[in-house]
Amino acid sequence: CMVAFYWIYWTRGYWGQFMPLPSTGLAAPVYITATAACLSSIVTGQMGNVFACRSTRASIFKMGFFSNRLIWLGIAVETTLILAIDYLKPFQFVFGTAPLRLTDWLFLLTITPTLLLLEEGRKWLVRRRSRPAHGKWGKAKCDLSSSVAAG
């Protein structure tokens, strides 16, 4: 969220070197746009998160992106709502937002695959660590000490 907020300031010419971020006066539109970017980044992040969280261990690439069609309905609804909040005057007034540029959306849409791929990496590590230990020839290693003590 804050990355998107500062992205707006940075792309609008406010570098933030040892100065407070302006939120009033001539810079108020930048602040309002940054607020819209922050909110929009939460929504785009959740688009990646919804696929990442479908399983704690299984990869979405094996489960399939279209195996749960209701997810796509939810994404369509949240996309419609965030676009309304960012672009329609009544919603802009209520939520304190402003329209985003195409370049802002391109930046925000990098959040979706980033979150998804990071979570897929975590799942891969979990699956890799939970595999049984195998010997040189692919057979499971035997722990003879426990069988000798029991016998």
Foldseek 3Di string as FASTA:
>chain_A
DVVLLVVLCVVVPNPPDPDDQDCDDPCVQSNQASLLLVVLLVLLLVLLVVLLVPDQADASVVVDPPPDVVSVVVNVVSVVVSCCCADPVVNCVVRSHYHDDPVSVVVSNVNNVVNNVVSNVVSVVVVVVPDADADPVRHGDDDVVVVVVVD
